[in-house]
Amino acid sequence: MKTWNDYKEHVKKIDPIAKEDITEAENIALIVGAMIEKRNELGITQRQLAEMCGIPQSSVARIESYKTTPNLDTILKIMQPLGLTLSVVSVR
């Protein structure tokens, strides 16, 4: 295996539990990445976003650095002032 993606795909094929964990981590990274991108696009600091959401700036920093996994309520609090929405799509 030459790349991280090769390894990841290999693990997903041989370990169903690891596949779920990797998929969940990738989905969270997509959501957080979109929030970071939009915050930067709008020129809003972490502190300003935290004030808009009513959460501590340190929480925004931990989420954006992937040191914590936000719960759904927190994700929605952060997305609202950024003008983002969360969509649920069937993957079947």
PDB file of N, CA and C in Angstrom:
ATOM      1  N   MET A   1       0.843  -1.183   0.000  1.00  0.00           N
ATOM      2  CA  MET A   1       0.000   0.000   0.000  1.00  0.00           C
ATOM      3  C   MET A   1       0.881   1.237   0.000  1.00  0.00           C
ATOM      4  N   LYS A   2       0.552   2.132  -0.885  1.00  0.00           N
ATOM      5  CA  LYS A   2       1.413   3.291  -1.070  1.00  0.00           C
ATOM      6  C   LYS A   2       0.882   4.546  -0.406  1.00  0.00           C
ATOM      7  N   THR A   3      -0.416   4.636  -0.218  1.00  0.00           N
ATOM      8  CA  THR A   3      -0.966   5.865   0.323  1.00  0.00           C
ATOM      9  C   THR A   3      -1.870   5.573   1.513  1.00  0.00           C
ATOM     10  N   TRP A   4      -2.186   6.631   2.243  1.00  0.00           N
ATOM     11  CA  TRP A   4      -3.117   6.518   3.360  1.00  0.00           C
ATOM     12  C   TRP A   4      -4.474   6.018   2.867  1.00  0.00           C
ATOM     13  N   ASN A   5      -4.933   6.536   1.728  1.00  0.00           N
ATOM     14  CA  ASN A   5      -6.223   6.106   1.189  1.00  0.00           C
ATOM     15  C   ASN A   5      -6.221   4.620   0.838  1.00  0.00           C
ATOM     16  N   ASP A   6      -5.117   4.113   0.306  1.00  0.00           N
ATOM     17  CA  ASP A   6      -5.006   2.675   0.024  1.00  0.00           C
ATOM     18  C   ASP A   6      -5.158   1.873   1.315  1.00  0.00           C
ATOM     19  N   TYR A   7      -4.450   2.300   2.348  1.00  0.00           N
ATOM     20  CA  TYR A   7      -4.511   1.608   3.637  1.00  0.00           C
ATOM     21  C   TYR A   7      -5.922   1.665   4.215  1.00  0.00           C
ATOM     22  N   LYS A   8      -6.515   2.852   4.174  1.00  0.00           N
ATOM     23  CA  LYS A   8      -7.864   3.050   4.692  1.00  0.00           C
ATOM     24  C   LYS A   8      -8.855   2.116   3.991  1.00  0.00           C
ATOM     25  N   GLU A   9      -8.797   2.054   2.686  1.00  0.00           N
ATOM     26  CA  GLU A   9      -9.702   1.189   1.931  1.00  0.00           C
ATOM     27  C   GLU A   9      -9.463  -0.279   2.260  1.00  0.00           C
ATOM     28  N   HIS A  10      -8.217  -0.657   2.452  1.00  0.00           N
ATOM     29  CA  HIS A  10      -7.881  -2.031   2.836  1.00  0.00           C
ATOM     30  C   HIS A  10      -8.500  -2.372   4.188  1.00  0.00           C
ATOM     31  N   VAL A  11      -8.339  -1.484   5.159  1.00  0.00           N
ATOM     32  CA  VAL A  11      -8.895  -1.716   6.493  1.00  0.00           C
ATOM     33  C   VAL A  11     -10.409  -1.795   6.434  1.00  0.00           C
ATOM     34  N   LYS A  12     -11.035  -0.920   5.663  1.00  0.00           N
ATOM     35  CA  LYS A  12     -12.497  -0.945   5.525  1.00  0.00           C
ATOM     36  C   LYS A  12     -12.989  -2.282   4.967  1.00  0.00           C
ATOM     37  N   LYS A  13     -12.204  -2.883   4.073  1.00  0.00           N
ATOM     38  CA  LYS A  13     -12.605  -4.151   3.467  1.00  0.00           C
ATOM     39  C   LYS A  13     -12.498  -5.324   4.435  1.00  0.00           C
ATOM     40  N   ILE A  14     -11.521  -5.278   5.335  1.00  0.00           N
ATOM     41  CA  ILE A  14     -11.278  -6.444   6.183  1.00  0.00           C
ATOM     42  C   ILE A  14     -11.859  -6.318   7.594  1.00  0.00           C
ATOM     43  N   ASP A  15     -12.241  -5.120   8.012  1.00  0.00           N
ATOM     44  CA  ASP A  15     -12.719  -4.934   9.384  1.00  0.00           C
ATOM     45  C   ASP A  15     -13.972  -4.061   9.393  1.00  0.00           C
ATOM     46  N   PRO A  16     -15.155  -4.672   9.548  1.00  0.00           N
ATOM     47  CA  PRO A  16     -16.396  -3.900   9.488  1.00  0.00           C
ATOM     48  C   PRO A  16     -16.523  -2.854  10.603  1.00  0.00           C
ATOM     49  N   ILE A  17     -15.985  -3.128  11.762  1.00  0.00           N
ATOM     50  CA  ILE A  17     -16.053  -2.148  12.862  1.00  0.00           C
ATOM     51  C   ILE A  17     -15.153  -0.961  12.549  1.00  0.00           C
ATOM     52  N   ALA A  18     -13.958  -1.237  12.077  1.00  0.00           N
ATOM     53  CA  ALA A  18     -13.047  -0.153  11.698  1.00  0.00           C
ATOM     54  C   ALA A  18     -13.636   0.647  10.538  1.00  0.00           C
ATOM     55  N   LYS A  19     -14.333  -0.020   9.630  1.00  0.00           N
ATOM     56  CA  LYS A  19     -14.972   0.672   8.515  1.00  0.00           C
ATOM     57  C   LYS A  19     -15.966   1.703   9.031  1.00  0.00           C
ATOM     58  N   GLU A  20     -16.792   1.310  10.007  1.00  0.00           N
ATOM     59  CA  GLU A  20     -17.755   2.242  10.594  1.00  0.00           C
ATOM     60  C   GLU A  20     -17.054   3.413  11.272  1.00  0.00           C
ATOM     61  N   ASP A  21     -15.999   3.119  12.022  1.00  0.00           N
ATOM     62  CA  ASP A  21     -15.256   4.173  12.724  1.00  0.00           C
ATOM     63  C   ASP A  21     -14.615   5.155  11.746  1.00  0.00           C
ATOM     64  N   ILE A  22     -14.001   4.630  10.698  1.00  0.00           N
ATOM     65  CA  ILE A  22     -13.348   5.485   9.705  1.00  0.00           C
ATOM     66  C   ILE A  22     -14.383   6.340   8.984  1.00  0.00           C
ATOM     67  N   THR A  23     -15.487   5.731   8.611  1.00  0.00           N
ATOM     68  CA  THR A  23     -16.545   6.464   7.907  1.00  0.00           C
ATOM     69  C   THR A  23     -17.098   7.576   8.790  1.00  0.00           C
ATOM     70  N   GLU A  24     -17.328   7.281  10.059  1.00  0.00           N
ATOM     71  CA  GLU A  24     -17.832   8.303  10.989  1.00  0.00           C
ATOM     72  C   GLU A  24     -16.834   9.453  11.123  1.00  0.00           C
ATOM     73  N   ALA A  25     -15.560   9.125  11.271  1.00  0.00           N
ATOM     74  CA  ALA A  25     -14.535  10.170  11.401  1.00  0.00           C
ATOM     75  C   ALA A  25     -14.457  11.027  10.139  1.00  0.00           C
ATOM     76  N   GLU A  26     -14.574  10.397   8.982  1.00  0.00           N
ATOM     77  CA  GLU A  26     -14.537  11.143   7.727  1.00  0.00           C
ATOM     78  C   GLU A  26     -15.749  12.069   7.602  1.00  0.00           C
ATOM     79  N   ASN A  27     -16.909  11.594   8.019  1.00  0.00           N
ATOM     80  CA  ASN A  27     -18.111  12.425   7.950  1.00  0.00           C
ATOM     81  C   ASN A  27     -18.020  13.622   8.893  1.00  0.00           C
ATOM     82  N   ILE A  28     -17.521  13.408  10.093  1.00  0.00           N
ATOM     83  CA  ILE A  28     -17.345  14.507  11.041  1.00  0.00           C
ATOM     84  C   ILE A  28     -16.335  15.510  10.486  1.00  0.00           C
ATOM     85  N   ALA A  29     -15.259  15.002   9.898  1.00  0.00           N
ATOM     86  CA  ALA A  29     -14.251  15.891   9.321  1.00  0.00           C
ATOM     87  C   ALA A  29     -14.836  16.735   8.193  1.00  0.00           C
ATOM     88  N   LEU A  30     -15.726  16.170   7.383  1.00  0.00           N
ATOM     89  CA  LEU A  30     -16.369  16.932   6.314  1.00  0.00           C
ATOM     90  C   LEU A  30     -17.226  18.061   6.886  1.00  0.00           C
ATOM     91  N   ILE A  31     -17.982  17.763   7.934  1.00  0.00           N
ATOM     92  CA  ILE A  31     -18.848  18.767   8.548  1.00  0.00           C
ATOM     93  C   ILE A  31     -18.014  19.881   9.168  1.00  0.00           C
ATOM     94  N   VAL A  32     -17.032  19.510   9.977  1.00  0.00           N
ATOM     95  CA  VAL A  32     -16.201  20.511  10.650  1.00  0.00           C
ATOM     96  C   VAL A  32     -15.410  21.312   9.616  1.00  0.00           C
ATOM     97  N   GLY A  33     -14.907  20.633   8.603  1.00  0.00           N
ATOM     98  CA  GLY A  33     -14.171  21.330   7.548  1.00  0.00           C
ATOM     99  C   GLY A  33     -15.022  22.376   6.849  1.00  0.00           C
ATOM    100  N   ALA A  34     -16.289  22.041   6.595  1.00  0.00           N
ATOM    101  CA  ALA A  34     -17.200  23.001   5.957  1.00  0.00           C
ATOM    102  C   ALA A  34     -17.453  24.198   6.867  1.00  0.00           C
ATOM    103  N   MET A  35     -17.561  23.945   8.173  1.00  0.00           N
ATOM    104  CA  MET A  35     -17.783  25.046   9.116  1.00  0.00           C
ATOM    105  C   MET A  35     -16.563  25.967   9.169  1.00  0.00           C
ATOM    106  N   ILE A  36     -15.383  25.391   9.187  1.00  0.00           N
ATOM    107  CA  ILE A  36     -14.153  26.189   9.215  1.00  0.00           C
ATOM    108  C   ILE A  36     -14.044  27.027   7.939  1.00  0.00           C
ATOM    109  N   GLU A  37     -14.285  26.388   6.808  1.00  0.00           N
ATOM    110  CA  GLU A  37     -14.195  27.074   5.520  1.00  0.00           C
ATOM    111  C   GLU A  37     -15.163  28.256   5.466  1.00  0.00           C
ATOM    112  N   LYS A  38     -16.396  28.049   5.910  1.00  0.00           N
ATOM    113  CA  LYS A  38     -17.395  29.109   5.866  1.00  0.00           C
ATOM    114  C   LYS A  38     -17.047  30.229   6.839  1.00  0.00           C
ATOM    115  N   ARG A  39     -16.570  29.878   8.040  1.00  0.00           N
ATOM    116  CA  ARG A  39     -16.186  30.903   9.019  1.00  0.00           C
ATOM    117  C   ARG A  39     -15.082  31.779   8.438  1.00  0.00           C
ATOM    118  N   ASN A  40     -14.096  31.144   7.830  1.00  0.00           N
ATOM    119  CA  ASN A  40     -12.995  31.903   7.221  1.00  0.00           C
ATOM    120  C   ASN A  40     -13.477  32.748   6.048  1.00  0.00           C
ATOM    121  N   GLU A  41     -14.359  32.190   5.241  1.00  0.00           N
ATOM    122  CA  GLU A  41     -14.921  32.910   4.096  1.00  0.00           C
ATOM    123  C   GLU A  41     -15.651  34.175   4.555  1.00  0.00           C
ATOM    124  N   LEU A  42     -16.340  34.077   5.686  1.00  0.00           N
ATOM    125  CA  LEU A  42     -17.088  35.216   6.220  1.00  0.00           C
ATOM    126  C   LEU A  42     -16.208  36.182   7.018  1.00  0.00           C
ATOM    127  N   GLY A  43     -14.963  35.796   7.271  1.00  0.00           N
ATOM    128  CA  GLY A  43     -14.055  36.651   8.034  1.00  0.00           C
ATOM    129  C   GLY A  43     -14.409  36.739   9.512  1.00  0.00           C
ATOM    130  N   ILE A  44     -14.988  35.674  10.040  1.00  0.00           N
ATOM    131  CA  ILE A  44     -15.394  35.647  11.445  1.00  0.00           C
ATOM    132  C   ILE A  44     -14.319  34.912  12.249  1.00  0.00           C
ATOM    133  N   THR A  45     -13.953  35.480  13.392  1.00  0.00           N
ATOM    134  CA  THR A  45     -12.989  34.807  14.260  1.00  0.00           C
ATOM    135  C   THR A  45     -13.702  33.714  15.058  1.00  0.00           C
ATOM    136  N   GLN A  46     -12.916  32.839  15.646  1.00  0.00           N
ATOM    137  CA  GLN A  46     -13.490  31.814  16.522  1.00  0.00           C
ATOM    138  C   GLN A  46     -14.239  32.475  17.680  1.00  0.00           C
ATOM    139  N   ARG A  47     -13.668  33.513  18.223  1.00  0.00           N
ATOM    140  CA  ARG A  47     -14.300  34.217  19.343  1.00  0.00           C
ATOM    141  C   ARG A  47     -15.646  34.803  18.929  1.00  0.00           C
ATOM    142  N   GLN A  48     -15.691  35.432  17.775  1.00  0.00           N
ATOM    143  CA  GLN A  48     -16.952  36.009  17.293  1.00  0.00           C
ATOM    144  C   GLN A  48     -18.005  34.923  17.062  1.00  0.00           C
ATOM    145  N   LEU A  49     -17.585  33.822  16.456  1.00  0.00           N
ATOM    146  CA  LEU A  49     -18.513  32.724  16.214  1.00  0.00           C
ATOM    147  C   LEU A  49     -19.036  32.160  17.529  1.00  0.00           C
ATOM    148  N   ALA A  50     -18.154  31.998  18.484  1.00  0.00           N
ATOM    149  CA  ALA A  50     -18.553  31.478  19.794  1.00  0.00           C
ATOM    150  C   ALA A  50     -19.597  32.378  20.444  1.00  0.00           C
ATOM    151  N   GLU A  51     -19.382  33.680  20.358  1.00  0.00           N
ATOM    152  CA  GLU A  51     -20.347  34.633  20.931  1.00  0.00           C
ATOM    153  C   GLU A  51     -21.701  34.518  20.225  1.00  0.00           C
ATOM    154  N   MET A  52     -21.687  34.370  18.906  1.00  0.00           N
ATOM    155  CA  MET A  52     -22.927  34.228  18.150  1.00  0.00           C
ATOM    156  C   MET A  52     -23.687  32.959  18.543  1.00  0.00           C
ATOM    157  N   CYS A  53     -22.940  31.923  18.901  1.00  0.00           N
ATOM    158  CA  CYS A  53     -23.535  30.619  19.205  1.00  0.00           C
ATOM    159  C   CYS A  53     -23.851  30.437  20.685  1.00  0.00           C
ATOM    160  N   GLY A  54     -23.273  31.278  21.519  1.00  0.00           N
ATOM    161  CA  GLY A  54     -23.466  31.127  22.952  1.00  0.00           C
ATOM    162  C   GLY A  54     -22.679  29.969  23.544  1.00  0.00           C
ATOM    163  N   ILE A  55     -21.517  29.705  22.943  1.00  0.00           N
ATOM    164  CA  ILE A  55     -20.640  28.662  23.473  1.00  0.00           C
ATOM    165  C   ILE A  55     -19.253  29.260  23.697  1.00  0.00           C
ATOM    166  N   PRO A  56     -18.427  28.631  24.529  1.00  0.00           N
ATOM    167  CA  PRO A  56     -17.078  29.165  24.762  1.00  0.00           C
ATOM    168  C   PRO A  56     -16.203  29.108  23.509  1.00  0.00           C
ATOM    169  N   GLN A  57     -15.324  30.095  23.364  1.00  0.00           N
ATOM    170  CA  GLN A  57     -14.392  30.108  22.236  1.00  0.00           C
ATOM    171  C   GLN A  57     -13.515  28.871  22.266  1.00  0.00           C
ATOM    172  N   SER A  58     -13.166  28.405  23.464  1.00  0.00           N
ATOM    173  CA  SER A  58     -12.322  27.211  23.576  1.00  0.00           C
ATOM    174  C   SER A  58     -13.017  25.984  22.977  1.00  0.00           C
ATOM    175  N   SER A  59     -14.340  25.937  23.040  1.00  0.00           N
ATOM    176  CA  SER A  59     -15.074  24.822  22.430  1.00  0.00           C
ATOM    177  C   SER A  59     -14.955  24.862  20.913  1.00  0.00           C
ATOM    178  N   VAL A  60     -15.081  26.067  20.345  1.00  0.00           N
ATOM    179  CA  VAL A  60     -14.919  26.215  18.896  1.00  0.00           C
ATOM    180  C   VAL A  60     -13.512  25.787  18.493  1.00  0.00           C
ATOM    181  N   ALA A  61     -12.518  26.197  19.253  1.00  0.00           N
ATOM    182  CA  ALA A  61     -11.127  25.843  18.943  1.00  0.00           C
ATOM    183  C   ALA A  61     -10.914  24.334  19.011  1.00  0.00           C
ATOM    184  N   ARG A  62     -11.455  23.676  20.026  1.00  0.00           N
ATOM    185  CA  ARG A  62     -11.290  22.219  20.160  1.00  0.00           C
ATOM    186  C   ARG A  62     -11.988  21.487  19.013  1.00  0.00           C
ATOM    187  N   ILE A  63     -13.152  21.973  18.625  1.00  0.00           N
ATOM    188  CA  ILE A  63     -13.875  21.349  17.505  1.00  0.00           C
ATOM    189  C   ILE A  63     -13.081  21.527  16.215  1.00  0.00           C
ATOM    190  N   GLU A  64     -12.624  22.746  15.966  1.00  0.00           N
ATOM    191  CA  GLU A  64     -11.908  23.029  14.717  1.00  0.00           C
ATOM    192  C   GLU A  64     -10.551  22.332  14.643  1.00  0.00           C
ATOM    193  N   SER A  65      -9.968  21.998  15.775  1.00  0.00           N
ATOM    194  CA  SER A  65      -8.685  21.287  15.766  1.00  0.00           C
ATOM    195  C   SER A  65      -8.890  19.776  15.883  1.00  0.00           C
ATOM    196  N   TYR A  66     -10.150  19.343  15.820  1.00  0.00           N
ATOM    197  CA  TYR A  66     -10.519  17.932  15.878  1.00  0.00           C
ATOM    198  C   TYR A  66     -10.085  17.265  17.185  1.00  0.00           C
ATOM    199  N   LYS A  67     -10.002  18.050  18.247  1.00  0.00           N
ATOM    200  CA  LYS A  67      -9.657  17.494  19.554  1.00  0.00           C
ATOM    201  C   LYS A  67     -10.881  16.986  20.294  1.00  0.00           C
ATOM    202  N   THR A  68     -12.064  17.358  19.808  1.00  0.00           N
ATOM    203  CA  THR A  68     -13.310  16.873  20.390  1.00  0.00           C
ATOM    204  C   THR A  68     -14.319  16.671  19.275  1.00  0.00           C
ATOM    205  N   THR A  69     -15.232  15.766  19.497  1.00  0.00           N
ATOM    206  CA  THR A  69     -16.301  15.531  18.537  1.00  0.00           C
ATOM    207  C   THR A  69     -17.552  16.234  19.044  1.00  0.00           C
ATOM    208  N   PRO A  70     -18.041  17.207  18.292  1.00  0.00           N
ATOM    209  CA  PRO A  70     -19.218  17.951  18.744  1.00  0.00           C
ATOM    210  C   PRO A  70     -20.481  17.101  18.665  1.00  0.00           C
ATOM    211  N   ASN A  71     -21.409  17.351  19.593  1.00  0.00           N
ATOM    212  CA  ASN A  71     -22.696  16.666  19.487  1.00  0.00           C
ATOM    213  C   ASN A  71     -23.558  17.413  18.469  1.00  0.00           C
ATOM    214  N   LEU A  72     -24.653  16.807  18.080  1.00  0.00           N
ATOM    215  CA  LEU A  72     -25.496  17.387  17.035  1.00  0.00           C
ATOM    216  C   LEU A  72     -25.994  18.774  17.409  1.00  0.00           C
ATOM    217  N   ASP A  73     -26.388  18.968  18.654  1.00  0.00           N
ATOM    218  CA  ASP A  73     -26.876  20.270  19.103  1.00  0.00           C
ATOM    219  C   ASP A  73     -25.819  21.357  18.889  1.00  0.00           C
ATOM    220  N   THR A  74     -24.581  21.054  19.213  1.00  0.00           N
ATOM    221  CA  THR A  74     -23.501  22.026  19.046  1.00  0.00           C
ATOM    222  C   THR A  74     -23.227  22.293  17.573  1.00  0.00           C
ATOM    223  N   ILE A  75     -23.251  21.252  16.758  1.00  0.00           N
ATOM    224  CA  ILE A  75     -23.053  21.433  15.315  1.00  0.00           C
ATOM    225  C   ILE A  75     -24.112  22.389  14.765  1.00  0.00           C
ATOM    226  N   LEU A  76     -25.358  22.170  15.151  1.00  0.00           N
ATOM    227  CA  LEU A  76     -26.441  23.018  14.647  1.00  0.00           C
ATOM    228  C   LEU A  76     -26.316  24.450  15.160  1.00  0.00           C
ATOM    229  N   LYS A  77     -25.875  24.631  16.408  1.00  0.00           N
ATOM    230  CA  LYS A  77     -25.660  25.981  16.955  1.00  0.00           C
ATOM    231  C   LYS A  77     -24.602  26.730  16.152  1.00  0.00           C
ATOM    232  N   ILE A  78     -23.568  26.020  15.749  1.00  0.00           N
ATOM    233  CA  ILE A  78     -22.473  26.645  15.006  1.00  0.00           C
ATOM    234  C   ILE A  78     -22.875  26.914  13.560  1.00  0.00           C
ATOM    235  N   MET A  79     -23.581  25.995  12.955  1.00  0.00           N
ATOM    236  CA  MET A  79     -23.952  26.141  11.549  1.00  0.00           C
ATOM    237  C   MET A  79     -24.921  27.297  11.312  1.00  0.00           C
ATOM    238  N   GLN A  80     -25.827  27.531  12.241  1.00  0.00           N
ATOM    239  CA  GLN A  80     -26.885  28.531  12.045  1.00  0.00           C
ATOM    240  C   GLN A  80     -26.327  29.916  11.729  1.00  0.00           C
ATOM    241  N   PRO A  81     -25.434  30.491  12.553  1.00  0.00           N
ATOM    242  CA  PRO A  81     -24.940  31.833  12.213  1.00  0.00           C
ATOM    243  C   PRO A  81     -24.029  31.862  10.984  1.00  0.00           C
ATOM    244  N   LEU A  82     -23.542  30.695  10.572  1.00  0.00           N
ATOM    245  CA  LEU A  82     -22.708  30.622   9.376  1.00  0.00           C
ATOM    246  C   LEU A  82     -23.555  30.504   8.110  1.00  0.00           C
ATOM    247  N   GLY A  83     -24.865  30.329   8.292  1.00  0.00           N
ATOM    248  CA  GLY A  83     -25.739  30.174   7.135  1.00  0.00           C
ATOM    249  C   GLY A  83     -25.650  28.798   6.509  1.00  0.00           C
ATOM    250  N   LEU A  84     -25.244  27.813   7.301  1.00  0.00           N
ATOM    251  CA  LEU A  84     -25.129  26.442   6.810  1.00  0.00           C
ATOM    252  C   LEU A  84     -26.288  25.607   7.346  1.00  0.00           C
ATOM    253  N   THR A  85     -26.633  24.564   6.603  1.00  0.00           N
ATOM    254  CA  THR A  85     -27.631  23.614   7.067  1.00  0.00           C
ATOM    255  C   THR A  85     -27.060  22.209   6.961  1.00  0.00           C
ATOM    256  N   LEU A  86     -27.638  21.319   7.694  1.00  0.00           N
ATOM    257  CA  LEU A  86     -27.218  19.923   7.684  1.00  0.00           C
ATOM    258  C   LEU A  86     -28.298  19.127   6.964  1.00  0.00           C
ATOM    259  N   SER A  87     -27.904  18.325   5.984  1.00  0.00           N
ATOM    260  CA  SER A  87     -28.865  17.513   5.230  1.00  0.00           C
ATOM    261  C   SER A  87     -28.645  16.053   5.529  1.00  0.00           C
ATOM    262  N   VAL A  88     -29.728  15.304   5.581  1.00  0.00           N
ATOM    263  CA  VAL A  88     -29.661  13.869   5.778  1.00  0.00           C
ATOM    264  C   VAL A  88     -30.011  13.221   4.443  1.00  0.00           C
ATOM    265  N   VAL A  89     -29.126  12.340   3.979  1.00  0.00           N
ATOM    266  CA  VAL A  89     -29.302  11.712   2.685  1.00  0.00           C
ATOM    267  C   VAL A  89     -29.181  10.202   2.857  1.00  0.00           C
ATOM    268  N   SER A  90     -30.090   9.483   2.276  1.00  0.00           N
ATOM    269  CA  SER A  90     -30.025   8.019   2.309  1.00  0.00           C
ATOM    270  C   SER A  90     -28.900   7.546   1.409  1.00  0.00           C
ATOM    271  N   VAL A  91     -28.111   6.593   1.892  1.00  0.00           N
ATOM    272  CA  VAL A  91     -26.983   6.092   1.101  1.00  0.00           C
ATOM    273  C   VAL A  91     -27.275   4.712   0.505  1.00  0.00           C
ATOM    274  N   ARG A  92     -28.491   4.282   0.572  1.00  0.00           N
ATOM    275  CA  ARG A  92     -28.827   2.967   0.028  1.00  0.00           C
ATOM    276  C   ARG A  92     -28.875   2.950  -1.437  1.00  0.00           C
TER     277      ARG A  92
END
